[in-house]
Amino acid sequence: MTVKQDHDGSWRVQVDRKGIPRTRRSGFENREAAELFERDYLAKYRTNYEQAMDERSLKELIEAWYIYHGINLADAERRRRVLLQMAVDLKNPIASQITAEQFVMYRFHVTQNEGAVCLKTFNNRHGYLAAVFNRLKKLKVITYQSPICEVEFFKIQERQLSYFSRSQIDELLETIKMYSTNLSTWWVTQICLRTGARWGEAEKLKRKQVHNGRITFELY
């Protein structure tokens, strides 16, 4: 019990919990005042405490994200595989204990060593992992903000735009036919090729925007 009465009749509070700064206060006139202090102190550090007590691994959180949200995405299974591989590469740590330094060192390793991942690809993966924590926090599956979400992405100089040749377009469409299991990939690709729309713009089109062979893009 953290609230106790001293020999002089006053009350004292001692808080010694994982994830919360230790404190000891005495001299409270009555039990109610001591308990009020304890409640306020714990409430102040509640997020730290809950984070410290959350011992789920990164893989466990990824699987929770997949069930609650990821499964609804067009590229659900591919993204799940990418995320789980990141968990393996990070040695599947306790998700709530991942530090920014740990993630940055991992990033350095996979982008600078032999067989390195290109910076743009890693930015995509970084975005996937940050989205896992943000979505789970929004759904109240977790209560903390992961430091991964605060790490800045690589700054990449944009390359000059270029265009597919006819042979490259044919190769792209043939590859999609042969290997893609998601029917929407074919149609989104067709829209991008025929209109110049970005992938995200084409993917978010609603039925009302496609009518009689015409596509209407909405400005937001």
C-alpha atoms as a PDB file:
ATOM      1  CA  MET A   1       0.000   0.000   0.000  1.00  0.00           C
ATOM      2  CA  THR A   2       1.471   3.389  -0.976  1.00  0.00           C
ATOM      3  CA  VAL A   3      -0.531   5.528   1.485  1.00  0.00           C
ATOM      4  CA  LYS A   4       0.401   5.015   5.141  1.00  0.00           C
ATOM      5  CA  GLN A   5       0.035   6.812   8.456  1.00  0.00           C
ATOM      6  CA  ASP A   6       3.140   7.884  10.342  1.00  0.00           C
ATOM      7  CA  HIS A   7       3.632   7.706  14.105  1.00  0.00           C
ATOM      8  CA  ASP A   8       2.790  11.389  14.538  1.00  0.00           C
ATOM      9  CA  GLY A   9      -0.656  10.862  12.975  1.00  0.00           C
ATOM     10  CA  SER A  10       0.160  12.484   9.615  1.00  0.00           C
ATOM     11  CA  TRP A  11      -0.052  10.592   6.340  1.00  0.00           C
ATOM     12  CA  ARG A  12       2.569   9.869   3.704  1.00  0.00           C
ATOM     13  CA  VAL A  13       2.569   8.701   0.079  1.00  0.00           C
ATOM     14  CA  GLN A  14       5.227   6.670  -1.669  1.00  0.00           C
ATOM     15  CA  VAL A  15       4.926   5.941  -5.398  1.00  0.00           C
ATOM     16  CA  ASP A  16       7.305   3.342  -6.796  1.00  0.00           C
ATOM     17  CA  ARG A  17       5.904   1.969 -10.035  1.00  0.00           C
ATOM     18  CA  LYS A  18       7.510   0.967 -13.304  1.00  0.00           C
ATOM     19  CA  GLY A  19       7.486   3.808 -15.813  1.00  0.00           C
ATOM     20  CA  ILE A  20       6.715   6.531 -13.245  1.00  0.00           C
ATOM     21  CA  PRO A  21       9.282   8.744 -11.457  1.00  0.00           C
ATOM     22  CA  ARG A  22       9.599   7.636  -7.861  1.00  0.00           C
ATOM     23  CA  THR A  23       8.339  10.065  -5.242  1.00  0.00           C
ATOM     24  CA  ARG A  24       7.746  10.167  -1.511  1.00  0.00           C
ATOM     25  CA  ARG A  25       5.705  12.875   0.227  1.00  0.00           C
ATOM     26  CA  SER A  26       4.733  13.148   3.863  1.00  0.00           C
ATOM     27  CA  GLY A  27       2.927  15.535   6.184  1.00  0.00           C
ATOM     28  CA  PHE A  28      -0.615  15.135   4.841  1.00  0.00           C
ATOM     29  CA  GLU A  29      -3.228  15.990   7.448  1.00  0.00           C
ATOM     30  CA  ASN A  30      -5.537  13.089   6.590  1.00  0.00           C
ATOM     31  CA  ARG A  31      -5.842   9.995   4.423  1.00  0.00           C
ATOM     32  CA  GLU A  32      -8.106  11.725   1.886  1.00  0.00           C
ATOM     33  CA  ALA A  33      -5.485  14.395   1.141  1.00  0.00           C
ATOM     34  CA  ALA A  34      -2.775  11.758   0.726  1.00  0.00           C
ATOM     35  CA  GLU A  35      -4.902   9.663  -1.626  1.00  0.00           C
ATOM     36  CA  LEU A  36      -5.834  12.753  -3.651  1.00  0.00           C
ATOM     37  CA  PHE A  37      -2.155  13.542  -4.144  1.00  0.00           C
ATOM     38  CA  GLU A  38      -1.498   9.938  -5.185  1.00  0.00           C
ATOM     39  CA  ARG A  39      -4.327   9.950  -7.734  1.00  0.00           C
ATOM     40  CA  ASP A  40      -3.215  13.250  -9.245  1.00  0.00           C
ATOM     41  CA  TYR A  41       0.397  12.104  -9.429  1.00  0.00           C
ATOM     42  CA  LEU A  42      -0.491   8.812 -11.114  1.00  0.00           C
ATOM     43  CA  ALA A  43      -2.816  10.574 -13.559  1.00  0.00           C
ATOM     44  CA  LYS A  44       0.009  12.929 -14.527  1.00  0.00           C
ATOM     45  CA  TYR A  45       2.252  10.009 -15.505  1.00  0.00           C
ATOM     46  CA  ARG A  46      -0.473   7.575 -16.581  1.00  0.00           C
ATOM     47  CA  THR A  47       0.683   7.416 -20.205  1.00  0.00           C
ATOM     48  CA  ASN A  48       4.250   6.656 -19.114  1.00  0.00           C
ATOM     49  CA  TYR A  49       2.974   3.935 -16.797  1.00  0.00           C
ATOM     50  CA  GLU A  50       0.713   2.320 -19.368  1.00  0.00           C
ATOM     51  CA  GLN A  51       3.507   2.429 -21.938  1.00  0.00           C
ATOM     52  CA  ALA A  52       5.919   0.761 -19.547  1.00  0.00           C
ATOM     53  CA  MET A  53       3.348  -1.927 -18.711  1.00  0.00           C
ATOM     54  CA  ASP A  54       2.582  -2.679 -22.381  1.00  0.00           C
ATOM     55  CA  GLU A  55       4.917  -5.582 -23.089  1.00  0.00           C
ATOM     56  CA  ARG A  56       3.528  -6.579 -26.481  1.00  0.00           C
ATOM     57  CA  SER A  57       6.156  -7.200 -29.116  1.00  0.00           C
ATOM     58  CA  LEU A  58       6.337  -5.272 -32.375  1.00  0.00           C
ATOM     59  CA  LYS A  59       5.040  -8.326 -34.246  1.00  0.00           C
ATOM     60  CA  GLU A  60       2.031  -8.524 -31.926  1.00  0.00           C
ATOM     61  CA  LEU A  61       1.150  -4.888 -32.581  1.00  0.00           C
ATOM     62  CA  ILE A  62       1.549  -5.348 -36.333  1.00  0.00           C
ATOM     63  CA  GLU A  63      -0.834  -8.289 -36.249  1.00  0.00           C
ATOM     64  CA  ALA A  64      -3.296  -6.258 -34.161  1.00  0.00           C
ATOM     65  CA  TRP A  65      -3.053  -3.414 -36.687  1.00  0.00           C
ATOM     66  CA  TYR A  66      -3.679  -5.894 -39.522  1.00  0.00           C
ATOM     67  CA  ILE A  67      -6.843  -7.224 -37.865  1.00  0.00           C
ATOM     68  CA  TYR A  68      -8.251  -3.820 -36.892  1.00  0.00           C
ATOM     69  CA  HIS A  69      -7.312  -1.853 -39.994  1.00  0.00           C
ATOM     70  CA  GLY A  70      -4.680  -3.247 -42.363  1.00  0.00           C
ATOM     71  CA  ILE A  71      -6.856  -6.014 -43.767  1.00  0.00           C
ATOM     72  CA  ASN A  72      -9.078  -3.346 -45.350  1.00  0.00           C
ATOM     73  CA  LEU A  73      -6.235  -1.898 -47.465  1.00  0.00           C
ATOM     74  CA  ALA A  74      -5.800  -2.766 -51.130  1.00  0.00           C
ATOM     75  CA  ASP A  75      -2.223  -3.962 -50.517  1.00  0.00           C
ATOM     76  CA  ALA A  76      -2.952  -5.488 -47.112  1.00  0.00           C
ATOM     77  CA  GLU A  77      -0.948  -8.706 -47.301  1.00  0.00           C
ATOM     78  CA  ARG A  78       2.069  -7.138 -48.996  1.00  0.00           C
ATOM     79  CA  ARG A  79       2.247  -4.372 -46.389  1.00  0.00           C
ATOM     80  CA  ARG A  80       1.865  -6.892 -43.574  1.00  0.00           C
ATOM     81  CA  ARG A  81       4.833  -8.874 -44.933  1.00  0.00           C
ATOM     82  CA  VAL A  82       6.963  -5.730 -45.163  1.00  0.00           C
ATOM     83  CA  LEU A  83       6.096  -4.732 -41.591  1.00  0.00           C
ATOM     84  CA  LEU A  84       6.776  -8.184 -40.171  1.00  0.00           C
ATOM     85  CA  GLN A  85      10.166  -8.253 -41.914  1.00  0.00           C
ATOM     86  CA  MET A  86      10.970  -4.897 -40.314  1.00  0.00           C
ATOM     87  CA  ALA A  87      10.081  -6.411 -36.942  1.00  0.00           C
ATOM     88  CA  VAL A  88      12.472  -9.296 -37.621  1.00  0.00           C
ATOM     89  CA  ASP A  89      15.244  -6.910 -38.680  1.00  0.00           C
ATOM     90  CA  LEU A  90      14.718  -4.908 -35.476  1.00  0.00           C
ATOM     91  CA  LYS A  91      14.901  -8.181 -33.503  1.00  0.00           C
ATOM     92  CA  ASN A  92      11.202  -7.926 -32.602  1.00  0.00           C
ATOM     93  CA  PRO A  93      11.553  -5.591 -29.605  1.00  0.00           C
ATOM     94  CA  ILE A  94       8.888  -4.652 -27.072  1.00  0.00           C
ATOM     95  CA  ALA A  95       6.993  -2.156 -29.218  1.00  0.00           C
ATOM     96  CA  SER A  96       6.412   0.382 -26.457  1.00  0.00           C
ATOM     97  CA  GLN A  97      10.145   0.496 -25.667  1.00  0.00           C
ATOM     98  CA  ILE A  98      11.505   1.244 -29.163  1.00  0.00           C
ATOM     99  CA  THR A  99      13.575   4.440 -29.044  1.00  0.00           C
ATOM    100  CA  ALA A 100      14.253   6.959 -31.800  1.00  0.00           C
ATOM    101  CA  GLU A 101      17.967   6.142 -31.558  1.00  0.00           C
ATOM    102  CA  GLN A 102      17.296   2.440 -32.023  1.00  0.00           C
ATOM    103  CA  PHE A 103      15.204   3.090 -35.116  1.00  0.00           C
ATOM    104  CA  VAL A 104      17.726   5.519 -36.622  1.00  0.00           C
ATOM    105  CA  MET A 105      20.545   2.988 -36.153  1.00  0.00           C
ATOM    106  CA  TYR A 106      18.420   0.338 -37.847  1.00  0.00           C
ATOM    107  CA  ARG A 107      17.712   2.785 -40.689  1.00  0.00           C
ATOM    108  CA  PHE A 108      21.425   3.480 -41.101  1.00  0.00           C
ATOM    109  CA  HIS A 109      22.203  -0.230 -41.253  1.00  0.00           C
ATOM    110  CA  VAL A 110      19.642  -1.115 -43.935  1.00  0.00           C
ATOM    111  CA  THR A 111      20.301   1.923 -46.158  1.00  0.00           C
ATOM    112  CA  GLN A 112      24.098   2.144 -45.997  1.00  0.00           C
ATOM    113  CA  ASN A 113      25.424  -1.422 -45.909  1.00  0.00           C
ATOM    114  CA  GLU A 114      25.844  -3.924 -48.728  1.00  0.00           C
ATOM    115  CA  GLY A 115      22.559  -4.708 -50.463  1.00  0.00           C
ATOM    116  CA  ALA A 116      21.172  -1.475 -49.083  1.00  0.00           C
ATOM    117  CA  VAL A 117      17.553  -0.396 -49.441  1.00  0.00           C
ATOM    118  CA  CYS A 118      17.146   2.863 -51.390  1.00  0.00           C
ATOM    119  CA  LEU A 119      16.134   5.926 -49.394  1.00  0.00           C
ATOM    120  CA  LYS A 120      12.733   6.304 -51.043  1.00  0.00           C
ATOM    121  CA  THR A 121      11.857   2.667 -50.344  1.00  0.00           C
ATOM    122  CA  PHE A 122      12.869   3.048 -46.725  1.00  0.00           C
ATOM    123  CA  ASN A 123      10.771   6.197 -46.407  1.00  0.00           C
ATOM    124  CA  ASN A 124       7.800   4.130 -47.564  1.00  0.00           C
ATOM    125  CA  ARG A 125       8.524   1.463 -44.962  1.00  0.00           C
ATOM    126  CA  HIS A 126       9.040   4.100 -42.277  1.00  0.00           C
ATOM    127  CA  GLY A 127       5.641   5.512 -43.190  1.00  0.00           C
ATOM    128  CA  TYR A 128       4.039   2.076 -42.936  1.00  0.00           C
ATOM    129  CA  LEU A 129       5.425   1.493 -39.435  1.00  0.00           C
ATOM    130  CA  ALA A 130       4.536   4.982 -38.201  1.00  0.00           C
ATOM    131  CA  ALA A 131       1.007   4.427 -39.530  1.00  0.00           C
ATOM    132  CA  VAL A 132       0.724   1.251 -37.422  1.00  0.00           C
ATOM    133  CA  PHE A 133       1.365   3.188 -34.205  1.00  0.00           C
ATOM    134  CA  ASN A 134      -0.789   6.159 -35.237  1.00  0.00           C
ATOM    135  CA  ARG A 135      -3.747   3.968 -36.187  1.00  0.00           C
ATOM    136  CA  LEU A 136      -3.557   1.846 -33.033  1.00  0.00           C
ATOM    137  CA  LYS A 137      -3.343   4.983 -30.891  1.00  0.00           C
ATOM    138  CA  LYS A 138      -6.399   6.380 -32.667  1.00  0.00           C
ATOM    139  CA  LEU A 139      -8.239   3.123 -31.981  1.00  0.00           C
ATOM    140  CA  LYS A 140      -7.037   3.269 -28.337  1.00  0.00           C
ATOM    141  CA  VAL A 141      -5.285  -0.093 -28.653  1.00  0.00           C
ATOM    142  CA  ILE A 142      -2.203   1.748 -27.360  1.00  0.00           C
ATOM    143  CA  THR A 143      -2.081   4.983 -25.378  1.00  0.00           C
ATOM    144  CA  TYR A 144       1.390   6.291 -26.221  1.00  0.00           C
ATOM    145  CA  GLN A 145       3.032   8.079 -29.133  1.00  0.00           C
ATOM    146  CA  SER A 146       5.906   6.053 -30.566  1.00  0.00           C
ATOM    147  CA  PRO A 147       9.219   7.906 -31.100  1.00  0.00           C
ATOM    148  CA  ILE A 148       9.267   6.337 -34.569  1.00  0.00           C
ATOM    149  CA  CYS A 149       6.528   8.776 -35.557  1.00  0.00           C
ATOM    150  CA  GLU A 150       8.771  11.693 -34.581  1.00  0.00           C
ATOM    151  CA  VAL A 151      11.803  10.612 -36.621  1.00  0.00           C
ATOM    152  CA  GLU A 152      12.114  12.711 -39.772  1.00  0.00           C
ATOM    153  CA  PHE A 153      12.027  11.014 -43.145  1.00  0.00           C
ATOM    154  CA  PHE A 154      14.976  11.109 -45.511  1.00  0.00           C
ATOM    155  CA  LYS A 155      15.001  14.232 -47.655  1.00  0.00           C
ATOM    156  CA  ILE A 156      15.133  13.071 -51.259  1.00  0.00           C
ATOM    157  CA  GLN A 157      15.790  15.305 -54.239  1.00  0.00           C
ATOM    158  CA  GLU A 158      12.981  14.861 -56.728  1.00  0.00           C
ATOM    159  CA  ARG A 159      14.063  13.435 -60.067  1.00  0.00           C
ATOM    160  CA  GLN A 160      12.985  15.062 -63.281  1.00  0.00           C
ATOM    161  CA  LEU A 161       9.764  13.535 -64.573  1.00  0.00           C
ATOM    162  CA  SER A 162      10.055  11.067 -67.418  1.00  0.00           C
ATOM    163  CA  TYR A 163       7.555   9.029 -69.410  1.00  0.00           C
ATOM    164  CA  PHE A 164       7.094   5.335 -70.131  1.00  0.00           C
ATOM    165  CA  SER A 165       7.756   4.177 -73.640  1.00  0.00           C
ATOM    166  CA  ARG A 166       5.144   2.041 -75.372  1.00  0.00           C
ATOM    167  CA  SER A 167       7.212  -1.091 -74.744  1.00  0.00           C
ATOM    168  CA  GLN A 168       7.538  -0.236 -71.046  1.00  0.00           C
ATOM    169  CA  ILE A 169       3.777   0.230 -70.773  1.00  0.00           C
ATOM    170  CA  ASP A 170       3.183  -3.136 -72.432  1.00  0.00           C
ATOM    171  CA  GLU A 171       5.676  -4.793 -70.081  1.00  0.00           C
ATOM    172  CA  LEU A 172       4.054  -3.166 -67.035  1.00  0.00           C
ATOM    173  CA  LEU A 173       0.546  -4.280 -67.976  1.00  0.00           C
ATOM    174  CA  GLU A 174       1.711  -7.796 -68.816  1.00  0.00           C
ATOM    175  CA  THR A 175       3.475  -8.088 -65.456  1.00  0.00           C
ATOM    176  CA  ILE A 176       0.325  -6.970 -63.625  1.00  0.00           C
ATOM    177  CA  LYS A 177      -1.736  -9.551 -65.531  1.00  0.00           C
ATOM    178  CA  MET A 178       0.679 -12.335 -64.653  1.00  0.00           C
ATOM    179  CA  TYR A 179       1.468 -11.606 -61.015  1.00  0.00           C
ATOM    180  CA  SER A 180      -1.051  -9.261 -59.413  1.00  0.00           C
ATOM    181  CA  THR A 181      -3.831 -10.907 -57.408  1.00  0.00           C
ATOM    182  CA  ASN A 182      -5.598  -7.606 -56.801  1.00  0.00           C
ATOM    183  CA  LEU A 183      -7.948  -6.763 -59.676  1.00  0.00           C
ATOM    184  CA  SER A 184      -8.015  -3.064 -58.747  1.00  0.00           C
ATOM    185  CA  THR A 185      -4.282  -2.795 -59.518  1.00  0.00           C
ATOM    186  CA  TRP A 186      -5.045  -3.221 -63.239  1.00  0.00           C
ATOM    187  CA  TRP A 187      -7.728  -0.545 -63.278  1.00  0.00           C
ATOM    188  CA  VAL A 188      -5.811   1.956 -61.151  1.00  0.00           C
ATOM    189  CA  THR A 189      -2.796   1.505 -63.442  1.00  0.00           C
ATOM    190  CA  GLN A 190      -4.966   2.094 -66.512  1.00  0.00           C
ATOM    191  CA  ILE A 191      -6.368   5.311 -65.028  1.00  0.00           C
ATOM    192  CA  CYS A 192      -2.889   6.587 -64.164  1.00  0.00           C
ATOM    193  CA  LEU A 193      -1.555   5.813 -67.636  1.00  0.00           C
ATOM    194  CA  ARG A 194      -4.514   7.353 -69.447  1.00  0.00           C
ATOM    195  CA  THR A 195      -5.017  10.480 -67.310  1.00  0.00           C
ATOM    196  CA  GLY A 196      -1.655  11.212 -65.721  1.00  0.00           C
ATOM    197  CA  ALA A 197      -3.210  10.952 -62.261  1.00  0.00           C
ATOM    198  CA  ARG A 198      -1.097  10.025 -59.273  1.00  0.00           C
ATOM    199  CA  TRP A 199      -1.625   6.533 -57.877  1.00  0.00           C
ATOM    200  CA  GLY A 200      -3.226   7.843 -54.677  1.00  0.00           C
ATOM    201  CA  GLU A 201      -5.613  10.051 -56.654  1.00  0.00           C
ATOM    202  CA  ALA A 202      -6.719   7.184 -58.874  1.00  0.00           C
ATOM    203  CA  GLU A 203      -7.029   4.748 -55.961  1.00  0.00           C
ATOM    204  CA  LYS A 204      -9.371   7.086 -54.045  1.00  0.00           C
ATOM    205  CA  LEU A 205     -11.806   7.668 -56.918  1.00  0.00           C
ATOM    206  CA  LYS A 206     -15.446   7.076 -56.040  1.00  0.00           C
ATOM    207  CA  ARG A 207     -18.085   5.531 -58.258  1.00  0.00           C
ATOM    208  CA  LYS A 208     -19.829   8.898 -58.769  1.00  0.00           C
ATOM    209  CA  GLN A 209     -16.610  10.312 -60.285  1.00  0.00           C
ATOM    210  CA  VAL A 210     -16.521   7.704 -63.055  1.00  0.00           C
ATOM    211  CA  HIS A 211     -19.391   7.968 -65.517  1.00  0.00           C
ATOM    212  CA  ASN A 212     -19.891   7.305 -69.241  1.00  0.00           C
ATOM    213  CA  GLY A 213     -16.201   6.832 -69.934  1.00  0.00           C
ATOM    214  CA  ARG A 214     -15.273  10.090 -68.182  1.00  0.00           C
ATOM    215  CA  ILE A 215     -13.444  10.678 -64.911  1.00  0.00           C
ATOM    216  CA  THR A 216     -13.951  13.763 -62.765  1.00  0.00           C
ATOM    217  CA  PHE A 217     -11.226  14.582 -60.269  1.00  0.00           C
ATOM    218  CA  GLU A 218     -12.261  16.612 -57.255  1.00  0.00           C
ATOM    219  CA  LEU A 219     -10.057  19.353 -55.814  1.00  0.00           C
ATOM    220  CA  TYR A 220      -9.714  19.477 -52.027  1.00  0.00           C
END
